[in-house]
């Protein structure tokens, strides 16, 4: 049986399509000494999240401005996955393989906390208002003018 198989990463859209800040899929890359994101800023929306490690198991938590955990996930161990490795495609693993992990983000600043091998690191994530948002602040107070 002949056919074409298309493999797309968490944050990929077809070529030529513009991605809005609300459409960005978050990829959290966890290493023993660093936590990095594929985007420092996204739009307020529900975003898919992938936890990616090159070895071992990584743990990720996303915390809001009050240090409340709003998302938490682990990567899976590579030994449990059949992933071919070559020079152009290093082995990676994603959280909840086969299921989509998502997080709902409102405008504001968040901390992404990564832990691996008894080491913890953080990255910052800024969330802007959705581009179609009608929310605005009335002069003299909050959204209701009080």
N, C-alpha and C. Protein backbone atom coordinates (compact mmCIF):
# COMPACT_ATOMS: atom_id res chain seq x y z
N UNK A 1 0.85 -1.18 0.00
CA UNK A 1 0.00 0.00 0.00
C UNK A 1 0.89 1.23 0.00
N UNK A 2 0.71 2.12 -0.96
CA UNK A 2 1.50 3.33 -1.05
C UNK A 2 0.69 4.50 -0.52
N UNK A 3 1.39 5.47 0.06
CA UNK A 3 0.70 6.64 0.57
C UNK A 3 1.70 7.65 1.10
N UNK A 4 1.20 8.76 1.50
CA UNK A 4 2.03 9.82 2.06
C UNK A 4 1.67 10.00 3.51
N UNK A 5 2.68 10.09 4.35
CA UNK A 5 2.46 10.34 5.76
C UNK A 5 3.04 11.71 6.06
N UNK A 6 2.25 12.56 6.64
CA UNK A 6 2.70 13.89 7.02
C UNK A 6 2.86 13.93 8.53
N UNK A 7 4.03 14.35 8.97
CA UNK A 7 4.28 14.48 10.40
C UNK A 7 4.43 15.96 10.71
N UNK A 8 3.68 16.43 11.67
CA UNK A 8 3.75 17.84 12.03
C UNK A 8 4.03 17.95 13.51
N UNK A 9 4.89 18.90 13.87
CA UNK A 9 5.16 19.18 15.28
C UNK A 9 3.99 19.90 15.89
N UNK A 10 4.06 20.09 17.19
CA UNK A 10 2.97 20.69 17.95
C UNK A 10 2.62 22.08 17.43
N UNK A 11 3.63 22.86 17.02
CA UNK A 11 3.36 24.24 16.65
C UNK A 11 3.35 24.51 15.17
N UNK A 12 3.28 23.49 14.34
CA UNK A 12 3.37 23.70 12.91
C UNK A 12 2.01 23.84 12.26
N UNK A 13 1.91 24.79 11.32
CA UNK A 13 0.73 24.96 10.48
C UNK A 13 1.20 24.83 9.04
N UNK A 14 0.30 24.58 8.11
CA UNK A 14 0.72 24.48 6.71
C UNK A 14 1.49 25.72 6.26
N UNK A 15 2.47 25.50 5.38
CA UNK A 15 3.28 26.61 4.88
C UNK A 15 2.41 27.69 4.25
N UNK A 16 2.78 28.94 4.48
CA UNK A 16 2.07 30.05 3.88
C UNK A 16 0.94 30.59 4.73
N UNK A 17 0.53 29.87 5.79
CA UNK A 17 -0.53 30.37 6.64
C UNK A 17 0.06 31.20 7.77
N UNK A 18 -0.53 32.35 8.00
CA UNK A 18 -0.07 33.23 9.07
C UNK A 18 -0.60 32.71 10.40
N UNK A 19 0.25 32.72 11.39
CA UNK A 19 -0.11 32.25 12.72
C UNK A 19 -0.36 33.46 13.61
N UNK A 20 -1.53 33.49 14.25
CA UNK A 20 -1.82 34.56 15.19
C UNK A 20 -1.28 34.17 16.56
N UNK A 21 -1.10 35.12 17.47
CA UNK A 21 -0.61 34.79 18.80
C UNK A 21 -1.51 33.79 19.53
N UNK A 22 -2.79 33.75 19.18
CA UNK A 22 -3.73 32.82 19.82
C UNK A 22 -3.56 31.39 19.30
N UNK A 23 -2.92 31.21 18.15
CA UNK A 23 -2.77 29.90 17.53
C UNK A 23 -1.45 29.22 17.86
N UNK A 24 -0.57 29.90 18.54
CA UNK A 24 0.75 29.33 18.82
C UNK A 24 0.61 28.16 19.79
N UNK A 25 1.16 27.03 19.38
CA UNK A 25 1.23 25.86 20.26
C UNK A 25 2.52 25.98 21.05
N UNK A 26 2.44 25.84 22.36
CA UNK A 26 3.62 25.98 23.21
C UNK A 26 4.44 24.70 23.23
N UNK A 27 5.74 24.87 23.06
CA UNK A 27 6.67 23.77 23.19
C UNK A 27 7.64 24.15 24.30
N UNK A 28 7.68 23.33 25.35
CA UNK A 28 8.56 23.58 26.49
C UNK A 28 9.70 22.57 26.38
N UNK A 29 10.93 23.09 26.21
CA UNK A 29 12.09 22.23 26.07
C UNK A 29 12.79 22.17 27.43
N UNK A 30 12.88 20.95 27.97
CA UNK A 30 13.44 20.75 29.30
C UNK A 30 14.79 20.06 29.19
N UNK A 31 15.82 20.65 29.79
CA UNK A 31 17.13 20.03 29.92
C UNK A 31 17.50 20.08 31.40
N UNK A 32 18.52 19.35 31.81
CA UNK A 32 18.88 19.37 33.22
C UNK A 32 19.21 20.76 33.77
N UNK A 33 19.65 21.68 32.91
CA UNK A 33 20.05 23.00 33.41
C UNK A 33 19.28 24.17 32.79
N UNK A 34 18.21 23.90 32.04
CA UNK A 34 17.49 25.02 31.41
C UNK A 34 16.05 24.66 31.09
N UNK A 35 15.26 25.70 30.98
CA UNK A 35 13.86 25.60 30.59
C UNK A 35 13.66 26.64 29.49
N UNK A 36 13.26 26.23 28.31
CA UNK A 36 13.08 27.21 27.24
C UNK A 36 11.77 26.96 26.52
N UNK A 37 11.26 28.03 25.91
CA UNK A 37 9.97 28.00 25.21
C UNK A 37 10.18 28.36 23.75
N UNK A 38 9.28 27.89 22.90
CA UNK A 38 9.34 28.25 21.49
C UNK A 38 8.78 29.65 21.24
N UNK A 39 8.12 30.24 22.25
CA UNK A 39 7.58 31.60 22.13
C UNK A 39 7.62 32.27 23.50
N UNK A 40 8.04 33.53 23.53
CA UNK A 40 8.05 34.27 24.80
C UNK A 40 6.72 34.98 25.03
N UNK A 41 5.90 35.08 23.95
CA UNK A 41 4.63 35.79 24.05
C UNK A 41 3.60 35.07 23.18
N UNK A 42 2.40 34.87 23.75
CA UNK A 42 1.29 34.27 23.01
C UNK A 42 0.03 35.09 23.30
N UNK A 43 -1.03 34.81 22.56
CA UNK A 43 -2.30 35.48 22.77
C UNK A 43 -3.17 34.71 23.75
N UNK A 44 -4.06 35.42 24.42
CA UNK A 44 -4.99 34.78 25.36
C UNK A 44 -5.87 33.80 24.60
N UNK A 45 -5.81 32.53 24.99
CA UNK A 45 -6.57 31.46 24.34
C UNK A 45 -6.21 30.14 25.02
N UNK A 46 -6.79 29.07 24.51
CA UNK A 46 -6.39 27.74 24.95
C UNK A 46 -5.31 27.26 23.99
N UNK A 47 -4.16 26.89 24.55
CA UNK A 47 -3.00 26.51 23.74
C UNK A 47 -2.62 25.06 23.98
N UNK A 48 -2.31 24.31 22.92
CA UNK A 48 -1.72 22.98 23.10
C UNK A 48 -0.33 23.15 23.71
N UNK A 49 0.09 22.21 24.54
CA UNK A 49 1.41 22.26 25.17
C UNK A 49 2.11 20.93 24.96
N UNK A 50 3.36 20.99 24.51
CA UNK A 50 4.20 19.80 24.37
C UNK A 50 5.41 19.97 25.28
N UNK A 51 5.73 18.93 26.04
CA UNK A 51 6.92 18.91 26.87
C UNK A 51 7.95 18.07 26.14
N UNK A 52 9.09 18.66 25.84
CA UNK A 52 10.10 18.01 25.02
C UNK A 52 11.40 17.89 25.81
N UNK A 53 11.99 16.69 25.82
CA UNK A 53 13.29 16.47 26.43
C UNK A 53 14.13 15.66 25.47
N UNK A 54 15.44 15.78 25.59
CA UNK A 54 16.33 14.98 24.75
C UNK A 54 16.76 13.71 25.45
N UNK A 55 16.65 13.67 26.77
CA UNK A 55 16.95 12.46 27.52
C UNK A 55 16.26 12.57 28.88
N UNK A 56 15.95 11.45 29.46
CA UNK A 56 15.34 11.45 30.79
C UNK A 56 13.90 11.94 30.76
N UNK A 57 13.37 12.13 31.95
CA UNK A 57 12.00 12.59 32.10
C UNK A 57 12.00 14.00 32.66
N UNK A 58 11.25 14.89 32.02
CA UNK A 58 11.13 16.26 32.48
C UNK A 58 9.74 16.52 33.03
N UNK A 59 9.66 17.43 33.97
CA UNK A 59 8.38 17.81 34.58
C UNK A 59 8.20 19.31 34.37
N UNK A 60 7.00 19.72 33.95
CA UNK A 60 6.72 21.13 33.68
C UNK A 60 5.48 21.57 34.44
N UNK A 61 5.57 22.76 35.03
CA UNK A 61 4.41 23.40 35.66
C UNK A 61 4.34 24.83 35.13
N UNK A 62 3.13 25.30 34.84
CA UNK A 62 2.92 26.70 34.47
C UNK A 62 2.19 27.34 35.63
N UNK A 63 2.76 28.46 36.12
CA UNK A 63 2.21 29.16 37.28
C UNK A 63 1.74 30.55 36.88
N UNK A 64 0.60 30.97 37.42
CA UNK A 64 0.10 32.31 37.13
C UNK A 64 0.74 33.34 38.06
N UNK A 65 0.26 34.59 38.02
CA UNK A 65 0.85 35.68 38.81
C UNK A 65 0.78 35.44 40.31
N UNK A 66 -0.14 34.59 40.76
CA UNK A 66 -0.29 34.29 42.19
C UNK A 66 0.43 32.99 42.56
N UNK A 67 1.28 32.48 41.66
CA UNK A 67 2.00 31.22 41.84
C UNK A 67 1.08 30.01 41.98
N UNK A 68 -0.11 30.11 41.38
CA UNK A 68 -1.04 28.99 41.33
C UNK A 68 -0.70 28.14 40.11
N UNK A 69 -0.60 26.84 40.30
CA UNK A 69 -0.29 25.94 39.18
C UNK A 69 -1.54 25.80 38.32
N UNK A 70 -1.42 26.19 37.04
CA UNK A 70 -2.55 26.08 36.11
C UNK A 70 -2.35 24.99 35.07
N UNK A 71 -1.13 24.44 35.01
CA UNK A 71 -0.83 23.35 34.08
C UNK A 71 0.33 22.56 34.66
N UNK A 72 0.27 21.23 34.49
CA UNK A 72 1.35 20.38 34.97
C UNK A 72 1.41 19.14 34.09
N UNK A 73 2.62 18.77 33.65
CA UNK A 73 2.76 17.59 32.79
C UNK A 73 4.18 17.05 32.88
N UNK A 74 4.31 15.78 32.58
CA UNK A 74 5.61 15.11 32.50
C UNK A 74 5.85 14.68 31.07
N UNK A 75 7.11 14.60 30.68
CA UNK A 75 7.45 13.95 29.42
C UNK A 75 7.47 12.46 29.72
N UNK A 76 7.49 11.65 28.69
CA UNK A 76 7.59 10.21 28.90
C UNK A 76 9.01 9.77 28.63
N UNK A 77 9.39 8.66 29.14
CA UNK A 77 10.76 8.18 28.98
C UNK A 77 10.97 7.64 27.57
N UNK A 78 12.08 8.01 26.94
CA UNK A 78 12.39 7.55 25.58
C UNK A 78 12.44 6.04 25.48
N UNK A 79 12.84 5.38 26.53
CA UNK A 79 12.94 3.92 26.49
C UNK A 79 11.58 3.28 26.21
N UNK A 80 10.50 3.99 26.50
CA UNK A 80 9.15 3.47 26.29
C UNK A 80 8.63 3.75 24.89
N UNK A 81 9.35 4.55 24.11
CA UNK A 81 8.89 4.93 22.77
C UNK A 81 9.81 4.38 21.71
N UNK A 82 9.23 4.01 20.59
CA UNK A 82 10.00 3.58 19.42
C UNK A 82 10.16 4.79 18.52
N UNK A 83 11.29 5.50 18.66
CA UNK A 83 11.54 6.69 17.86
C UNK A 83 12.90 6.52 17.18
N UNK A 84 12.92 6.44 15.84
CA UNK A 84 14.21 6.31 15.17
C UNK A 84 15.02 7.59 15.32
N UNK A 85 16.33 7.43 15.42
CA UNK A 85 17.19 8.61 15.56
C UNK A 85 18.18 8.64 14.40
N UNK A 86 18.35 9.83 13.83
CA UNK A 86 19.41 10.03 12.86
C UNK A 86 19.97 11.42 13.09
N UNK A 87 20.95 11.82 12.34
CA UNK A 87 21.61 13.10 12.57
C UNK A 87 20.68 14.29 12.37
N UNK A 88 19.65 14.14 11.55
CA UNK A 88 18.76 15.25 11.26
C UNK A 88 17.55 15.31 12.19
N UNK A 89 17.28 14.23 12.92
CA UNK A 89 16.09 14.18 13.76
C UNK A 89 16.43 13.55 15.11
N UNK A 90 16.88 14.36 16.09
CA UNK A 90 17.20 13.79 17.40
C UNK A 90 15.94 13.25 18.07
N UNK A 91 16.14 12.31 18.97
CA UNK A 91 15.01 11.73 19.68
C UNK A 91 14.39 12.78 20.61
N UNK A 92 13.09 12.87 20.57
CA UNK A 92 12.37 13.76 21.49
C UNK A 92 11.12 13.03 21.95
N UNK A 93 10.55 13.50 23.01
CA UNK A 93 9.29 12.94 23.48
C UNK A 93 8.42 14.08 23.96
N UNK A 94 7.13 13.87 23.87
CA UNK A 94 6.17 14.92 24.21
C UNK A 94 5.25 14.43 25.31
N UNK A 95 4.76 15.37 26.11
CA UNK A 95 3.85 15.01 27.19
C UNK A 95 2.58 14.40 26.62
N UNK A 96 2.06 13.42 27.32
CA UNK A 96 0.78 12.82 26.97
C UNK A 96 0.70 12.44 25.50
N UNK A 97 1.68 11.70 25.03
CA UNK A 97 1.69 11.26 23.63
C UNK A 97 0.35 10.61 23.29
N UNK A 98 -0.28 11.05 22.22
CA UNK A 98 -1.56 10.51 21.82
C UNK A 98 -2.74 11.30 22.36
N UNK A 99 -2.51 12.11 23.36
CA UNK A 99 -3.56 12.97 23.90
C UNK A 99 -3.07 14.40 23.80
N UNK A 100 -3.98 15.33 23.66
CA UNK A 100 -3.57 16.71 23.55
C UNK A 100 -3.65 17.37 24.92
N UNK A 101 -2.52 17.89 25.39
CA UNK A 101 -2.48 18.64 26.63
C UNK A 101 -2.67 20.10 26.28
N UNK A 102 -3.58 20.76 26.97
CA UNK A 102 -3.83 22.17 26.69
C UNK A 102 -3.85 22.97 27.98
N UNK A 103 -3.65 24.28 27.83
CA UNK A 103 -3.74 25.20 28.95
C UNK A 103 -4.47 26.45 28.49
N UNK A 104 -5.40 26.92 29.30
CA UNK A 104 -6.13 28.16 29.01
C UNK A 104 -5.38 29.31 29.65
N UNK A 105 -4.94 30.28 28.82
CA UNK A 105 -4.16 31.41 29.30
C UNK A 105 -4.91 32.72 29.11
N UNK A 106 -5.01 33.49 30.19
CA UNK A 106 -5.59 34.83 30.16
C UNK A 106 -4.44 35.83 30.05
N UNK A 107 -4.72 37.07 29.66
CA UNK A 107 -3.64 38.06 29.58
C UNK A 107 -2.91 38.20 30.91
N UNK A 108 -1.60 38.31 30.84
CA UNK A 108 -0.78 38.47 32.04
C UNK A 108 0.56 37.79 31.87
N UNK A 109 1.29 37.69 32.97
CA UNK A 109 2.61 37.08 32.97
C UNK A 109 2.57 35.76 33.73
N UNK A 110 3.27 34.77 33.20
CA UNK A 110 3.31 33.44 33.76
C UNK A 110 4.75 32.99 33.90
N UNK A 111 4.99 32.06 34.82
CA UNK A 111 6.29 31.41 34.96
C UNK A 111 6.13 29.96 34.55
N UNK A 112 7.06 29.47 33.74
CA UNK A 112 7.08 28.07 33.35
C UNK A 112 8.24 27.44 34.12
N UNK A 113 7.91 26.48 34.96
CA UNK A 113 8.91 25.84 35.81
C UNK A 113 9.21 24.44 35.27
N UNK A 114 10.49 24.17 35.02
CA UNK A 114 10.92 22.88 34.49
C UNK A 114 11.81 22.20 35.52
N UNK A 115 11.60 20.91 35.69
CA UNK A 115 12.49 20.16 36.58
C UNK A 115 12.92 18.87 35.90
N UNK A 116 14.19 18.55 36.12
CA UNK A 116 14.79 17.33 35.57
C UNK A 116 16.04 17.03 36.38
N UNK A 117 16.22 15.79 36.73
CA UNK A 117 17.43 15.37 37.46
C UNK A 117 17.67 16.22 38.71
N UNK A 118 16.65 16.46 39.50
CA UNK A 118 16.73 17.23 40.74
C UNK A 118 17.14 18.68 40.54
N UNK A 119 17.01 19.20 39.33
CA UNK A 119 17.34 20.59 39.02
C UNK A 119 16.07 21.29 38.55
N UNK A 120 15.87 22.53 38.99
CA UNK A 120 14.69 23.31 38.62
C UNK A 120 15.13 24.61 37.95
N UNK A 121 14.49 24.93 36.84
CA UNK A 121 14.75 26.20 36.16
C UNK A 121 13.43 26.80 35.71
N UNK A 122 13.45 28.09 35.38
CA UNK A 122 12.22 28.78 35.00
C UNK A 122 12.41 29.60 33.73
N UNK A 123 11.28 29.78 33.03
CA UNK A 123 11.22 30.67 31.86
C UNK A 123 9.97 31.52 32.01
N UNK A 124 9.99 32.70 31.44
CA UNK A 124 8.85 33.62 31.51
C UNK A 124 8.01 33.52 30.25
N UNK A 125 6.70 33.66 30.43
CA UNK A 125 5.76 33.65 29.31
C UNK A 125 4.81 34.82 29.50
N UNK A 126 4.71 35.67 28.48
CA UNK A 126 3.81 36.82 28.52
C UNK A 126 2.62 36.53 27.61
N UNK A 127 1.42 36.78 28.12
CA UNK A 127 0.20 36.54 27.35
C UNK A 127 -0.49 37.87 27.10
N UNK A 128 -0.72 38.17 25.82
CA UNK A 128 -1.38 39.42 25.43
C UNK A 128 -2.87 39.16 25.20
N UNK A 129 -3.65 40.22 25.23
CA UNK A 129 -5.09 40.09 24.97
C UNK A 129 -5.30 39.54 23.57
N UNK A 130 -6.35 38.75 23.41
CA UNK A 130 -6.67 38.19 22.11
C UNK A 130 -6.88 39.31 21.10
N UNK A 131 -6.46 39.09 19.86
CA UNK A 131 -6.54 40.14 18.84
C UNK A 131 -7.97 40.58 18.56
N UNK A 132 -8.95 39.72 18.78
CA UNK A 132 -10.34 40.07 18.55
C UNK A 132 -11.05 40.51 19.83
N UNK A 133 -10.27 40.75 20.88
CA UNK A 133 -10.85 41.07 22.19
C UNK A 133 -11.53 42.43 22.17
N UNK A 134 -12.69 42.49 22.82
CA UNK A 134 -13.41 43.77 22.94
C UNK A 134 -13.24 44.35 24.33
N UNK A 135 -12.43 43.68 25.17
CA UNK A 135 -12.20 44.16 26.52
C UNK A 135 -11.38 45.44 26.48
N UNK A 136 -11.81 46.45 27.21
CA UNK A 136 -11.04 47.68 27.30
C UNK A 136 -11.27 48.31 28.66
N UNK A 137 -10.35 49.14 29.06
CA UNK A 137 -10.44 49.79 30.36
C UNK A 137 -10.96 51.20 30.17
N UNK A 138 -11.99 51.56 30.95
CA UNK A 138 -12.56 52.89 30.91
C UNK A 138 -11.74 53.78 31.84
N UNK A 139 -11.43 55.00 31.40
CA UNK A 139 -10.63 55.90 32.20
C UNK A 139 -11.29 56.14 33.54
N UNK A 140 -10.47 56.10 34.59
CA UNK A 140 -10.99 56.34 35.92
C UNK A 140 -11.23 55.07 36.70
N UNK A 141 -10.85 53.93 36.15
CA UNK A 141 -11.04 52.69 36.91
C UNK A 141 -10.87 51.48 36.05
N UNK A 142 -11.52 50.42 36.47
CA UNK A 142 -11.43 49.13 35.77
C UNK A 142 -12.37 49.10 34.59
N UNK A 143 -12.67 47.91 34.11
CA UNK A 143 -13.50 47.76 32.94
C UNK A 143 -14.90 48.37 33.08
N UNK A 144 -15.40 48.54 34.32
CA UNK A 144 -16.72 49.12 34.55
C UNK A 144 -16.65 50.59 34.92
N UNK A 145 -15.45 51.16 34.90
CA UNK A 145 -15.30 52.57 35.20
C UNK A 145 -15.38 52.90 36.67
N UNK A 146 -15.24 51.93 37.54
CA UNK A 146 -15.32 52.16 38.98
C UNK A 146 -13.97 52.18 39.63
